[in-house]
Amino acid sequence: MTSFTIEAGLAPPLLISPANAGTIDQMYPALTWGIPIWAPANYNIVLEPAGGGTALVDLWVGAGSACGVSECSWTVNQLLPDGGYQ
């Protein structure tokens, strides 16, 4: 028998960089976020146009390769055109 627990309401990771509503000049930006208290093994990174639409990036990144002691960082591996993203 398999058992598991679902904990609704867990806080998502806090994005540190780029700043909310900030402007960057990197077409391959580095994303940095804080590790939440529940410390997931993997993170789903989704970047889509501001206001919604088809995701330009939608992939999973392992904590073991992206995270240090208190923060994680991953660099977008495809060219992002000028525009707003969420």
N, C-alpha and C. Protein backbone atom coordinates (compact mmCIF):
# COMPACT_ATOMS: atom_id res chain seq x y z
N MET A 1 0.84 -1.17 0.00
CA MET A 1 0.00 0.00 0.00
C MET A 1 0.89 1.24 0.00
N THR A 2 0.55 2.19 -0.84
CA THR A 2 1.27 3.45 -0.92
C THR A 2 0.49 4.52 -0.19
N SER A 3 1.19 5.35 0.54
CA SER A 3 0.52 6.47 1.21
C SER A 3 1.31 7.74 0.95
N PHE A 4 0.64 8.85 0.95
CA PHE A 4 1.28 10.14 0.77
C PHE A 4 0.41 11.21 1.38
N THR A 5 1.00 12.38 1.54
CA THR A 5 0.31 13.52 2.13
C THR A 5 0.37 14.70 1.17
N ILE A 6 -0.74 15.37 1.01
CA ILE A 6 -0.79 16.60 0.22
C ILE A 6 -0.97 17.73 1.21
N GLU A 7 -0.09 18.72 1.13
CA GLU A 7 -0.18 19.87 2.00
C GLU A 7 -0.52 21.10 1.17
N ALA A 8 -1.78 21.39 1.08
CA ALA A 8 -2.22 22.57 0.32
C ALA A 8 -1.78 23.83 1.05
N GLY A 9 -1.51 24.85 0.29
CA GLY A 9 -1.19 26.14 0.87
C GLY A 9 0.28 26.34 1.17
N LEU A 10 1.16 25.46 0.67
CA LEU A 10 2.58 25.69 0.88
C LEU A 10 2.99 26.93 0.10
N ALA A 11 3.77 27.78 0.72
CA ALA A 11 4.22 29.01 0.06
C ALA A 11 5.17 28.67 -1.08
N PRO A 12 5.01 29.32 -2.23
CA PRO A 12 5.93 29.08 -3.34
C PRO A 12 7.29 29.71 -3.05
N PRO A 13 8.31 29.29 -3.78
CA PRO A 13 9.62 29.94 -3.61
C PRO A 13 9.53 31.44 -3.88
N LEU A 14 10.31 32.22 -3.19
CA LEU A 14 10.33 33.67 -3.35
C LEU A 14 11.38 34.05 -4.38
N LEU A 15 10.94 34.68 -5.48
CA LEU A 15 11.87 35.13 -6.50
C LEU A 15 12.67 36.32 -5.96
N ILE A 16 13.98 36.22 -6.04
CA ILE A 16 14.87 37.28 -5.57
C ILE A 16 15.30 38.16 -6.74
N SER A 17 15.61 37.53 -7.86
CA SER A 17 16.09 38.27 -9.02
C SER A 17 15.63 37.56 -10.29
N PRO A 18 15.16 38.25 -11.30
CA PRO A 18 15.01 39.70 -11.36
C PRO A 18 13.90 40.19 -10.45
N ALA A 19 14.01 41.45 -10.05
CA ALA A 19 13.04 42.05 -9.14
C ALA A 19 11.68 42.19 -9.81
N ASN A 20 10.62 42.12 -9.01
CA ASN A 20 9.27 42.30 -9.52
C ASN A 20 9.16 43.66 -10.20
N ALA A 21 8.63 43.68 -11.41
CA ALA A 21 8.45 44.89 -12.22
C ALA A 21 9.78 45.54 -12.60
N GLY A 22 10.87 44.80 -12.45
CA GLY A 22 12.18 45.34 -12.81
C GLY A 22 12.45 45.19 -14.30
N THR A 23 13.47 45.86 -14.75
CA THR A 23 13.91 45.77 -16.14
C THR A 23 15.34 45.25 -16.14
N ILE A 24 15.60 44.28 -17.01
CA ILE A 24 16.95 43.74 -17.13
C ILE A 24 17.38 43.86 -18.59
N ASP A 25 18.67 43.78 -18.82
CA ASP A 25 19.18 43.89 -20.18
C ASP A 25 19.90 42.61 -20.62
N GLN A 26 19.48 41.49 -20.07
CA GLN A 26 20.07 40.20 -20.41
C GLN A 26 19.06 39.38 -21.19
N MET A 27 19.46 38.87 -22.34
CA MET A 27 18.54 38.06 -23.13
C MET A 27 18.54 36.60 -22.66
N TYR A 28 19.50 36.26 -21.79
CA TYR A 28 19.55 34.96 -21.12
C TYR A 28 19.64 35.24 -19.62
N PRO A 29 18.55 35.69 -19.01
CA PRO A 29 18.63 36.13 -17.61
C PRO A 29 18.87 34.97 -16.63
N ALA A 30 19.52 35.30 -15.54
CA ALA A 30 19.68 34.37 -14.43
C ALA A 30 18.54 34.61 -13.46
N LEU A 31 17.88 33.55 -13.07
CA LEU A 31 16.80 33.62 -12.09
C LEU A 31 17.35 33.15 -10.75
N THR A 32 17.06 33.88 -9.70
CA THR A 32 17.50 33.50 -8.36
C THR A 32 16.30 33.52 -7.43
N TRP A 33 16.15 32.46 -6.64
CA TRP A 33 15.02 32.39 -5.72
C TRP A 33 15.47 31.76 -4.41
N GLY A 34 14.74 32.10 -3.35
CA GLY A 34 15.02 31.56 -2.03
C GLY A 34 14.45 30.16 -1.89
N ILE A 35 15.11 29.34 -1.13
CA ILE A 35 14.63 27.98 -0.88
C ILE A 35 13.53 28.04 0.17
N PRO A 36 12.31 27.57 -0.16
CA PRO A 36 11.23 27.59 0.85
C PRO A 36 11.51 26.58 1.96
N ILE A 37 10.82 26.75 3.06
CA ILE A 37 11.04 25.89 4.22
C ILE A 37 10.79 24.41 3.91
N TRP A 38 9.94 24.12 2.94
CA TRP A 38 9.63 22.73 2.61
C TRP A 38 10.64 22.14 1.62
N ALA A 39 11.62 22.90 1.14
CA ALA A 39 12.78 22.47 0.36
C ALA A 39 12.47 21.36 -0.65
N PRO A 40 11.82 21.70 -1.77
CA PRO A 40 11.51 20.69 -2.78
C PRO A 40 12.77 20.14 -3.47
N ALA A 41 12.67 18.95 -4.01
CA ALA A 41 13.79 18.33 -4.72
C ALA A 41 13.93 18.89 -6.13
N ASN A 42 12.82 19.41 -6.69
CA ASN A 42 12.81 19.94 -8.05
C ASN A 42 11.95 21.20 -8.10
N TYR A 43 12.27 22.07 -9.04
CA TYR A 43 11.50 23.30 -9.25
C TYR A 43 11.02 23.34 -10.69
N ASN A 44 9.75 23.70 -10.89
CA ASN A 44 9.20 23.88 -12.23
C ASN A 44 9.35 25.35 -12.61
N ILE A 45 10.17 25.63 -13.60
CA ILE A 45 10.39 27.00 -14.06
C ILE A 45 9.53 27.24 -15.28
N VAL A 46 8.65 28.22 -15.17
CA VAL A 46 7.74 28.57 -16.27
C VAL A 46 7.85 30.07 -16.52
N LEU A 47 8.22 30.44 -17.73
CA LEU A 47 8.26 31.84 -18.14
C LEU A 47 7.30 32.00 -19.30
N GLU A 48 6.35 32.90 -19.14
CA GLU A 48 5.38 33.16 -20.19
C GLU A 48 5.23 34.67 -20.36
N PRO A 49 4.70 35.10 -21.49
CA PRO A 49 4.52 36.54 -21.69
C PRO A 49 3.65 37.14 -20.58
N ALA A 50 3.95 38.39 -20.21
CA ALA A 50 3.14 39.08 -19.21
C ALA A 50 1.69 39.09 -19.68
N GLY A 51 0.79 38.80 -18.79
CA GLY A 51 -0.62 38.75 -19.14
C GLY A 51 -1.07 37.36 -19.58
N GLY A 52 -0.14 36.42 -19.67
CA GLY A 52 -0.49 35.06 -20.04
C GLY A 52 -0.11 34.73 -21.47
N GLY A 53 -0.35 33.51 -21.83
CA GLY A 53 -0.01 33.05 -23.17
C GLY A 53 0.82 31.79 -23.10
N THR A 54 1.35 31.39 -24.24
CA THR A 54 2.14 30.18 -24.32
C THR A 54 3.49 30.37 -23.64
N ALA A 55 3.84 29.43 -22.80
CA ALA A 55 5.11 29.51 -22.08
C ALA A 55 6.28 29.39 -23.04
N LEU A 56 7.27 30.25 -22.87
CA LEU A 56 8.51 30.16 -23.64
C LEU A 56 9.49 29.21 -22.98
N VAL A 57 9.39 29.07 -21.67
CA VAL A 57 10.20 28.13 -20.90
C VAL A 57 9.26 27.40 -19.96
N ASP A 58 9.34 26.08 -19.95
CA ASP A 58 8.55 25.25 -19.04
C ASP A 58 9.35 23.98 -18.80
N LEU A 59 10.14 23.96 -17.73
CA LEU A 59 10.99 22.81 -17.46
C LEU A 59 11.22 22.64 -15.98
N TRP A 60 11.75 21.47 -15.63
CA TRP A 60 12.05 21.16 -14.24
C TRP A 60 13.55 21.25 -14.02
N VAL A 61 13.94 21.85 -12.90
CA VAL A 61 15.34 22.00 -12.52
C VAL A 61 15.52 21.33 -11.16
N GLY A 62 16.51 20.48 -11.05
CA GLY A 62 16.78 19.79 -9.80
C GLY A 62 17.46 20.69 -8.78
N ALA A 63 17.02 20.60 -7.54
CA ALA A 63 17.61 21.41 -6.47
C ALA A 63 19.09 21.10 -6.31
N GLY A 64 19.48 19.86 -6.53
CA GLY A 64 20.87 19.47 -6.37
C GLY A 64 21.81 20.20 -7.31
N SER A 65 21.32 20.56 -8.49
CA SER A 65 22.17 21.25 -9.46
C SER A 65 21.99 22.77 -9.44
N ALA A 66 20.90 23.26 -8.85
CA ALA A 66 20.60 24.69 -8.92
C ALA A 66 20.74 25.41 -7.58
N CYS A 67 20.79 24.67 -6.48
CA CYS A 67 20.68 25.33 -5.17
C CYS A 67 21.94 25.21 -4.32
N GLY A 68 22.15 26.28 -3.57
CA GLY A 68 23.18 26.29 -2.54
C GLY A 68 22.52 26.10 -1.19
N VAL A 69 23.03 26.76 -0.19
CA VAL A 69 22.50 26.62 1.17
C VAL A 69 21.15 27.31 1.34
N SER A 70 21.01 28.53 0.81
CA SER A 70 19.77 29.29 1.04
C SER A 70 19.11 29.81 -0.23
N GLU A 71 19.79 29.74 -1.36
CA GLU A 71 19.24 30.24 -2.62
C GLU A 71 19.50 29.26 -3.76
N CYS A 72 18.66 29.39 -4.78
CA CYS A 72 18.83 28.63 -6.01
C CYS A 72 19.01 29.61 -7.15
N SER A 73 19.70 29.19 -8.19
CA SER A 73 19.90 30.04 -9.35
C SER A 73 19.95 29.19 -10.61
N TRP A 74 19.34 29.69 -11.67
CA TRP A 74 19.33 29.01 -12.96
C TRP A 74 19.31 30.06 -14.05
N THR A 75 20.10 29.85 -15.10
CA THR A 75 20.15 30.79 -16.22
C THR A 75 19.31 30.26 -17.37
N VAL A 76 18.45 31.12 -17.88
CA VAL A 76 17.59 30.76 -19.01
C VAL A 76 18.49 30.30 -20.15
N ASN A 77 18.18 29.15 -20.73
CA ASN A 77 19.05 28.57 -21.75
C ASN A 77 18.56 28.80 -23.18
N GLN A 78 17.66 29.73 -23.36
CA GLN A 78 17.23 30.10 -24.71
C GLN A 78 17.03 31.62 -24.77
N LEU A 79 17.20 32.15 -25.94
CA LEU A 79 17.10 33.58 -26.15
C LEU A 79 15.68 34.07 -25.87
N LEU A 80 15.55 35.06 -25.02
CA LEU A 80 14.24 35.68 -24.75
C LEU A 80 14.18 37.01 -25.47
N PRO A 81 13.18 37.20 -26.34
CA PRO A 81 13.06 38.49 -27.03
C PRO A 81 12.62 39.59 -26.07
N ASP A 82 12.78 40.84 -26.48
CA ASP A 82 12.32 41.97 -25.67
C ASP A 82 10.85 41.78 -25.32
N GLY A 83 10.48 42.17 -24.13
CA GLY A 83 9.09 42.08 -23.72
C GLY A 83 8.97 41.81 -22.23
N GLY A 84 7.74 41.78 -21.76
CA GLY A 84 7.47 41.50 -20.36
C GLY A 84 7.18 40.03 -20.16
N TYR A 85 7.59 39.51 -19.02
CA TYR A 85 7.39 38.10 -18.70
C TYR A 85 6.87 37.94 -17.29
N GLN A 86 6.26 36.80 -17.04
CA GLN A 86 5.80 36.45 -15.69
C GLN A 86 6.14 35.01 -15.41
